[in-house]
Amino acid sequence: MVNTIPLNRSKRQIDVDYVIKLLLEELKSEQINALKYSPSDYDGLLQRQKVKMTKLLYELGSEAIVDLPDVRAQVSDNLGSTRSYNVLFDMVLRAKSHGAFYQFKGKSLTSFTLFISDCMTAIKQLALTGDEIPMLDRIAGRQ
C-alpha cells in the first residue's frame, strides 16, 4: 500500500514515499558536493537538512520517521589510500553509535545470516582498504 496524503488545495493526492525518496537523493547530492568543496561546512549542512526534512514531514502531516543519509564514509578524498588511525577510529565510533555492530548470540542460520549482512554493510560504510585492517584490529581491541 502506498502512503498518500490528500492535498487541501486540490483534489489530487501525492505519494509521500516518492517525495521522500526524491528528497533523500537530493540531500545525498548536497552532502557529496559539500564534502568535495567545503568539508568544514558538512556538519552544518546535516543540521540544515534535518530541519528541512522535519518541516516537510510536518507540513505533509506524515508520521514517517526517516533517517537522513550520511555519506562521509562512502565519499572521501582519501578513498583508495590509507587513512589515519584517528580517522578510522572516528568512523568506527560513528558506525557503532548507529548500531552497525553487535555481537552474534543466536544459534539459528537466519540470525547468523543477518549478522554477516550487518558486518558487510559496516565494512562498506567504512570503505576499508587492505592496509587499514591492522589499524581496525587495534581499534577493535580497545573497544
N, C-alpha and C. Protein backbone atom coordinates (compact mmCIF):
# COMPACT_ATOMS: atom_id res chain seq x y z
N MET A 1 0.84 -1.18 0.00
CA MET A 1 0.00 0.00 0.00
C MET A 1 0.89 1.24 0.00
N VAL A 2 0.56 2.18 -0.82
CA VAL A 2 1.34 3.40 -0.97
C VAL A 2 0.81 4.45 0.01
N ASN A 3 1.73 5.11 0.70
CA ASN A 3 1.33 6.20 1.60
C ASN A 3 0.99 7.42 0.77
N THR A 4 -0.24 7.88 0.88
CA THR A 4 -0.64 9.09 0.17
C THR A 4 -1.26 10.07 1.15
N ILE A 5 -1.19 11.33 0.78
CA ILE A 5 -1.76 12.38 1.61
C ILE A 5 -2.63 13.25 0.71
N PRO A 6 -3.89 13.50 1.09
CA PRO A 6 -4.72 14.40 0.28
C PRO A 6 -4.23 15.84 0.45
N LEU A 7 -4.18 16.55 -0.64
CA LEU A 7 -3.79 17.96 -0.59
C LEU A 7 -5.04 18.81 -0.45
N ASN A 8 -4.98 19.81 0.43
CA ASN A 8 -6.15 20.66 0.67
C ASN A 8 -6.49 21.54 -0.52
N ARG A 9 -5.50 22.02 -1.24
CA ARG A 9 -5.74 22.98 -2.32
C ARG A 9 -6.32 22.34 -3.56
N SER A 10 -6.15 21.06 -3.71
CA SER A 10 -6.68 20.40 -4.90
C SER A 10 -7.21 19.03 -4.50
N LYS A 11 -7.79 18.37 -5.44
CA LYS A 11 -8.36 17.05 -5.17
C LYS A 11 -7.36 15.93 -5.42
N ARG A 12 -6.13 16.30 -5.76
CA ARG A 12 -5.12 15.29 -6.03
C ARG A 12 -4.51 14.76 -4.74
N GLN A 13 -3.86 13.63 -4.86
CA GLN A 13 -3.11 13.07 -3.74
C GLN A 13 -1.66 12.95 -4.19
N ILE A 14 -0.76 12.99 -3.21
CA ILE A 14 0.65 12.81 -3.55
C ILE A 14 1.16 11.54 -2.89
N ASP A 15 2.12 10.92 -3.52
CA ASP A 15 2.77 9.72 -3.00
C ASP A 15 3.92 10.18 -2.11
N VAL A 16 3.74 10.07 -0.79
CA VAL A 16 4.73 10.56 0.17
C VAL A 16 6.05 9.81 0.03
N ASP A 17 5.99 8.50 -0.18
CA ASP A 17 7.22 7.71 -0.30
C ASP A 17 8.08 8.21 -1.46
N TYR A 18 7.43 8.54 -2.58
CA TYR A 18 8.17 9.03 -3.74
C TYR A 18 8.82 10.38 -3.45
N VAL A 19 8.08 11.27 -2.78
CA VAL A 19 8.61 12.59 -2.43
C VAL A 19 9.81 12.45 -1.51
N ILE A 20 9.69 11.58 -0.51
CA ILE A 20 10.79 11.38 0.44
C ILE A 20 12.01 10.79 -0.28
N LYS A 21 11.77 9.84 -1.19
CA LYS A 21 12.88 9.24 -1.94
C LYS A 21 13.62 10.30 -2.75
N LEU A 22 12.86 11.15 -3.44
CA LEU A 22 13.49 12.22 -4.22
C LEU A 22 14.27 13.18 -3.34
N LEU A 23 13.69 13.53 -2.20
CA LEU A 23 14.36 14.45 -1.29
C LEU A 23 15.64 13.83 -0.74
N LEU A 24 15.62 12.54 -0.39
CA LEU A 24 16.82 11.88 0.12
C LEU A 24 17.93 11.86 -0.93
N GLU A 25 17.56 11.65 -2.19
CA GLU A 25 18.56 11.69 -3.26
C GLU A 25 19.18 13.09 -3.38
N GLU A 26 18.33 14.11 -3.25
CA GLU A 26 18.82 15.50 -3.29
C GLU A 26 19.75 15.78 -2.11
N LEU A 27 19.38 15.29 -0.93
CA LEU A 27 20.21 15.50 0.26
C LEU A 27 21.57 14.83 0.10
N LYS A 28 21.59 13.61 -0.44
CA LYS A 28 22.86 12.92 -0.67
C LYS A 28 23.74 13.71 -1.64
N SER A 29 23.13 14.23 -2.69
CA SER A 29 23.88 15.01 -3.67
C SER A 29 24.48 16.26 -3.02
N GLU A 30 23.70 16.94 -2.18
CA GLU A 30 24.21 18.12 -1.47
C GLU A 30 25.38 17.73 -0.56
N GLN A 31 25.27 16.59 0.11
CA GLN A 31 26.34 16.15 1.00
C GLN A 31 27.62 15.85 0.23
N ILE A 32 27.48 15.19 -0.90
CA ILE A 32 28.65 14.87 -1.72
C ILE A 32 29.35 16.15 -2.17
N ASN A 33 28.57 17.13 -2.63
CA ASN A 33 29.15 18.41 -3.04
C ASN A 33 29.83 19.11 -1.88
N ALA A 34 29.21 19.07 -0.71
CA ALA A 34 29.81 19.71 0.47
C ALA A 34 31.13 19.04 0.83
N LEU A 35 31.17 17.72 0.76
CA LEU A 35 32.41 17.00 1.09
C LEU A 35 33.51 17.30 0.08
N LYS A 36 33.14 17.49 -1.18
CA LYS A 36 34.14 17.77 -2.21
C LYS A 36 34.69 19.19 -2.12
N TYR A 37 33.79 20.16 -1.87
CA TYR A 37 34.18 21.56 -2.00
C TYR A 37 34.32 22.31 -0.68
N SER A 38 33.62 21.90 0.37
CA SER A 38 33.76 22.59 1.66
C SER A 38 33.45 21.63 2.81
N PRO A 39 34.38 20.69 3.07
CA PRO A 39 34.14 19.68 4.10
C PRO A 39 33.90 20.26 5.49
N SER A 40 34.41 21.44 5.77
CA SER A 40 34.22 22.02 7.10
C SER A 40 32.77 22.43 7.33
N ASP A 41 32.01 22.62 6.26
CA ASP A 41 30.60 23.00 6.38
C ASP A 41 29.66 21.80 6.45
N TYR A 42 30.21 20.59 6.43
CA TYR A 42 29.39 19.39 6.33
C TYR A 42 28.43 19.22 7.52
N ASP A 43 28.92 19.40 8.75
CA ASP A 43 28.06 19.22 9.92
C ASP A 43 26.91 20.22 9.93
N GLY A 44 27.19 21.45 9.55
CA GLY A 44 26.13 22.46 9.45
C GLY A 44 25.09 22.09 8.41
N LEU A 45 25.57 21.53 7.29
CA LEU A 45 24.66 21.08 6.24
C LEU A 45 23.74 19.99 6.77
N LEU A 46 24.29 19.03 7.52
CA LEU A 46 23.46 17.97 8.08
C LEU A 46 22.36 18.53 8.97
N GLN A 47 22.69 19.52 9.78
CA GLN A 47 21.69 20.13 10.65
C GLN A 47 20.60 20.83 9.83
N ARG A 48 21.00 21.57 8.79
CA ARG A 48 20.01 22.24 7.94
C ARG A 48 19.12 21.22 7.23
N GLN A 49 19.72 20.10 6.80
CA GLN A 49 18.94 19.07 6.13
C GLN A 49 17.94 18.42 7.08
N LYS A 50 18.36 18.23 8.32
CA LYS A 50 17.46 17.64 9.31
C LYS A 50 16.25 18.55 9.53
N VAL A 51 16.50 19.85 9.64
CA VAL A 51 15.41 20.82 9.81
C VAL A 51 14.49 20.81 8.59
N LYS A 52 15.09 20.78 7.41
CA LYS A 52 14.33 20.76 6.16
C LYS A 52 13.41 19.53 6.09
N MET A 53 13.95 18.37 6.42
CA MET A 53 13.17 17.13 6.37
C MET A 53 12.06 17.15 7.42
N THR A 54 12.36 17.63 8.62
CA THR A 54 11.36 17.69 9.68
C THR A 54 10.21 18.60 9.29
N LYS A 55 10.53 19.77 8.72
CA LYS A 55 9.48 20.70 8.27
C LYS A 55 8.61 20.08 7.19
N LEU A 56 9.25 19.42 6.23
CA LEU A 56 8.49 18.80 5.14
C LEU A 56 7.53 17.75 5.67
N LEU A 57 8.04 16.87 6.52
CA LEU A 57 7.18 15.82 7.06
C LEU A 57 6.05 16.40 7.89
N TYR A 58 6.33 17.46 8.63
CA TYR A 58 5.30 18.10 9.44
C TYR A 58 4.22 18.71 8.54
N GLU A 59 4.64 19.42 7.48
CA GLU A 59 3.69 20.05 6.58
C GLU A 59 2.85 19.03 5.83
N LEU A 60 3.45 17.90 5.50
CA LEU A 60 2.69 16.86 4.81
C LEU A 60 1.79 16.08 5.77
N GLY A 61 2.02 16.27 7.05
CA GLY A 61 1.22 15.55 8.03
C GLY A 61 1.61 14.09 8.14
N SER A 62 2.78 13.78 7.66
CA SER A 62 3.25 12.39 7.68
C SER A 62 3.86 12.06 9.03
N GLU A 63 3.61 10.85 9.47
CA GLU A 63 4.20 10.39 10.72
C GLU A 63 5.41 9.50 10.46
N ALA A 64 5.89 9.51 9.23
CA ALA A 64 7.03 8.68 8.87
C ALA A 64 8.28 9.17 9.59
N ILE A 65 9.11 8.23 9.95
CA ILE A 65 10.40 8.54 10.55
C ILE A 65 11.46 8.19 9.51
N VAL A 66 12.25 9.17 9.14
CA VAL A 66 13.23 8.98 8.08
C VAL A 66 14.61 9.30 8.63
N ASP A 67 15.55 8.37 8.45
CA ASP A 67 16.94 8.62 8.82
C ASP A 67 17.60 9.35 7.67
N LEU A 68 18.25 10.45 7.99
CA LEU A 68 18.95 11.19 6.95
C LEU A 68 20.21 10.44 6.53
N PRO A 69 20.54 10.48 5.25
CA PRO A 69 21.77 9.83 4.81
C PRO A 69 22.99 10.58 5.32
N ASP A 70 24.07 9.86 5.52
CA ASP A 70 25.35 10.46 5.89
C ASP A 70 26.39 9.79 5.01
N VAL A 71 26.88 10.51 4.02
CA VAL A 71 27.74 9.91 3.00
C VAL A 71 29.22 10.09 3.28
N ARG A 72 29.58 10.51 4.50
CA ARG A 72 31.00 10.73 4.81
C ARG A 72 31.85 9.48 4.57
N ALA A 73 31.34 8.32 4.95
CA ALA A 73 32.14 7.10 4.81
C ALA A 73 32.29 6.68 3.35
N GLN A 74 31.26 6.92 2.55
CA GLN A 74 31.32 6.50 1.15
C GLN A 74 32.11 7.48 0.29
N VAL A 75 32.07 8.74 0.64
CA VAL A 75 32.73 9.77 -0.17
C VAL A 75 33.87 10.34 0.65
N SER A 76 35.06 10.05 0.23
CA SER A 76 36.22 10.53 0.97
C SER A 76 37.32 10.88 -0.01
N ASP A 77 37.99 11.98 0.27
CA ASP A 77 39.13 12.35 -0.58
C ASP A 77 40.22 11.29 -0.49
N ASN A 78 40.27 10.58 0.62
CA ASN A 78 41.31 9.59 0.85
C ASN A 78 40.95 8.22 0.29
N LEU A 79 39.79 8.08 -0.32
CA LEU A 79 39.33 6.77 -0.77
C LEU A 79 40.38 6.13 -1.67
N GLY A 80 40.75 4.92 -1.35
CA GLY A 80 41.78 4.24 -2.11
C GLY A 80 43.15 4.36 -1.47
N SER A 81 43.32 5.29 -0.55
CA SER A 81 44.58 5.40 0.17
C SER A 81 44.32 5.13 1.64
N THR A 82 45.36 4.85 2.37
CA THR A 82 45.23 4.51 3.78
C THR A 82 44.93 5.76 4.60
N ARG A 83 43.87 5.68 5.39
CA ARG A 83 43.50 6.80 6.26
C ARG A 83 44.21 6.66 7.59
N SER A 84 44.26 7.73 8.35
CA SER A 84 44.95 7.71 9.63
C SER A 84 44.15 6.92 10.66
N TYR A 85 44.84 6.54 11.73
CA TYR A 85 44.22 5.80 12.83
C TYR A 85 43.06 6.59 13.42
N ASN A 86 43.24 7.89 13.63
CA ASN A 86 42.19 8.72 14.24
C ASN A 86 40.96 8.82 13.35
N VAL A 87 41.15 8.93 12.05
CA VAL A 87 40.01 9.00 11.13
C VAL A 87 39.24 7.69 11.18
N LEU A 88 39.95 6.57 11.15
CA LEU A 88 39.28 5.26 11.23
C LEU A 88 38.55 5.10 12.56
N PHE A 89 39.19 5.54 13.65
CA PHE A 89 38.57 5.42 14.97
C PHE A 89 37.27 6.21 15.02
N ASP A 90 37.27 7.43 14.48
CA ASP A 90 36.05 8.24 14.43
C ASP A 90 34.96 7.56 13.61
N MET A 91 35.35 6.96 12.50
CA MET A 91 34.37 6.28 11.65
C MET A 91 33.76 5.07 12.36
N VAL A 92 34.59 4.32 13.08
CA VAL A 92 34.09 3.16 13.82
C VAL A 92 33.12 3.61 14.91
N LEU A 93 33.47 4.67 15.63
CA LEU A 93 32.57 5.18 16.66
C LEU A 93 31.24 5.63 16.07
N ARG A 94 31.30 6.28 14.92
CA ARG A 94 30.07 6.73 14.27
C ARG A 94 29.22 5.53 13.85
N ALA A 95 29.85 4.52 13.25
CA ALA A 95 29.11 3.32 12.84
C ALA A 95 28.54 2.59 14.05
N LYS A 96 29.32 2.53 15.12
CA LYS A 96 28.87 1.86 16.33
C LYS A 96 27.67 2.59 16.94
N SER A 97 27.70 3.91 16.93
CA SER A 97 26.59 4.68 17.50
C SER A 97 25.32 4.54 16.66
N HIS A 98 25.47 4.20 15.38
CA HIS A 98 24.30 3.98 14.53
C HIS A 98 23.86 2.52 14.55
N GLY A 99 24.44 1.71 15.44
CA GLY A 99 24.02 0.32 15.59
C GLY A 99 24.54 -0.61 14.51
N ALA A 100 25.66 -0.27 13.90
CA ALA A 100 26.19 -1.11 12.82
C ALA A 100 26.84 -2.39 13.34
N PHE A 101 27.27 -2.38 14.59
CA PHE A 101 27.94 -3.56 15.14
C PHE A 101 27.18 -4.11 16.33
N TYR A 102 27.08 -5.40 16.39
CA TYR A 102 26.59 -6.06 17.60
C TYR A 102 27.14 -7.48 17.58
N GLN A 103 27.06 -8.14 18.71
CA GLN A 103 27.63 -9.48 18.80
C GLN A 103 26.59 -10.52 18.39
N PHE A 104 27.06 -11.54 17.69
CA PHE A 104 26.18 -12.64 17.29
C PHE A 104 26.00 -13.56 18.48
N LYS A 105 24.75 -13.71 18.93
CA LYS A 105 24.47 -14.54 20.09
C LYS A 105 23.51 -15.68 19.77
N GLY A 106 22.92 -15.67 18.60
CA GLY A 106 21.92 -16.67 18.26
C GLY A 106 22.55 -17.95 17.75
N LYS A 107 21.71 -18.94 17.57
CA LYS A 107 22.18 -20.22 17.05
C LYS A 107 21.51 -20.58 15.73
N SER A 108 20.64 -19.72 15.25
CA SER A 108 19.94 -20.04 14.01
C SER A 108 20.71 -19.52 12.80
N LEU A 109 20.49 -20.16 11.69
CA LEU A 109 21.14 -19.76 10.44
C LEU A 109 20.66 -18.38 10.01
N THR A 110 19.39 -18.09 10.25
CA THR A 110 18.84 -16.79 9.86
C THR A 110 19.52 -15.65 10.61
N SER A 111 19.66 -15.80 11.93
CA SER A 111 20.30 -14.72 12.68
C SER A 111 21.78 -14.59 12.31
N PHE A 112 22.44 -15.71 12.00
CA PHE A 112 23.83 -15.64 11.56
C PHE A 112 23.93 -14.92 10.22
N THR A 113 23.01 -15.21 9.31
CA THR A 113 22.99 -14.55 8.01
C THR A 113 22.78 -13.05 8.17
N LEU A 114 21.88 -12.66 9.07
CA LEU A 114 21.64 -11.24 9.33
C LEU A 114 22.89 -10.58 9.92
N PHE A 115 23.57 -11.30 10.82
CA PHE A 115 24.80 -10.79 11.42
C PHE A 115 25.86 -10.54 10.35
N ILE A 116 26.06 -11.51 9.45
CA ILE A 116 27.04 -11.37 8.37
C ILE A 116 26.65 -10.20 7.46
N SER A 117 25.37 -10.08 7.18
CA SER A 117 24.89 -8.97 6.35
C SER A 117 25.20 -7.63 6.99
N ASP A 118 24.98 -7.53 8.31
CA ASP A 118 25.30 -6.29 9.02
C ASP A 118 26.80 -6.00 8.99
N CYS A 119 27.61 -7.04 9.13
CA CYS A 119 29.07 -6.86 9.06
C CYS A 119 29.48 -6.35 7.68
N MET A 120 28.92 -6.92 6.63
CA MET A 120 29.26 -6.49 5.28
C MET A 120 28.83 -5.03 5.05
N THR A 121 27.66 -4.67 5.57
CA THR A 121 27.19 -3.29 5.46
C THR A 121 28.14 -2.34 6.18
N ALA A 122 28.58 -2.73 7.37
CA ALA A 122 29.50 -1.89 8.13
C ALA A 122 30.82 -1.72 7.39
N ILE A 123 31.32 -2.80 6.79
CA ILE A 123 32.58 -2.72 6.04
C ILE A 123 32.42 -1.79 4.84
N LYS A 124 31.28 -1.87 4.15
CA LYS A 124 31.04 -0.97 3.02
C LYS A 124 30.96 0.47 3.49
N GLN A 125 30.30 0.69 4.64
CA GLN A 125 30.19 2.05 5.15
C GLN A 125 31.55 2.61 5.55
N LEU A 126 32.40 1.75 6.08
CA LEU A 126 33.73 2.20 6.47
C LEU A 126 34.65 2.35 5.26
N ALA A 127 34.30 1.73 4.14
CA ALA A 127 35.09 1.82 2.90
C ALA A 127 36.55 1.48 3.16
N LEU A 128 36.78 0.30 3.71
CA LEU A 128 38.12 -0.10 4.12
C LEU A 128 39.01 -0.49 2.95
N THR A 129 40.30 -0.25 3.12
CA THR A 129 41.31 -0.78 2.21
C THR A 129 42.09 -1.84 2.98
N GLY A 130 42.86 -2.64 2.29
CA GLY A 130 43.61 -3.72 2.94
C GLY A 130 44.58 -3.23 3.99
N ASP A 131 45.20 -2.09 3.78
CA ASP A 131 46.18 -1.55 4.73
C ASP A 131 45.53 -1.06 6.02
N GLU A 132 44.22 -0.84 5.99
CA GLU A 132 43.54 -0.30 7.17
C GLU A 132 43.09 -1.39 8.13
N ILE A 133 43.11 -2.65 7.71
CA ILE A 133 42.64 -3.75 8.55
C ILE A 133 43.45 -3.87 9.85
N PRO A 134 44.80 -3.80 9.83
CA PRO A 134 45.54 -3.88 11.10
C PRO A 134 45.17 -2.74 12.07
N MET A 135 44.97 -1.54 11.53
CA MET A 135 44.56 -0.43 12.41
C MET A 135 43.17 -0.69 12.97
N LEU A 136 42.30 -1.27 12.16
CA LEU A 136 40.95 -1.58 12.62
C LEU A 136 41.00 -2.65 13.72
N ASP A 137 41.94 -3.60 13.60
CA ASP A 137 42.12 -4.61 14.66
C ASP A 137 42.53 -3.94 15.97
N ARG A 138 43.43 -2.96 15.91
CA ARG A 138 43.83 -2.24 17.13
C ARG A 138 42.65 -1.49 17.73
N ILE A 139 41.84 -0.88 16.87
CA ILE A 139 40.66 -0.15 17.35
C ILE A 139 39.69 -1.12 18.02
N ALA A 140 39.49 -2.27 17.41
CA ALA A 140 38.57 -3.28 17.98
C ALA A 140 39.09 -3.78 19.32
N GLY A 141 40.40 -3.86 19.47
CA GLY A 141 40.99 -4.29 20.74
C GLY A 141 40.73 -3.31 21.87
N ARG A 142 40.58 -2.04 21.53
CA ARG A 142 40.31 -1.01 22.55
C ARG A 142 38.85 -1.00 22.99
N GLN A 143 37.96 -1.51 22.15
CA GLN A 143 36.52 -1.42 22.46
C GLN A 143 36.11 -2.42 23.48
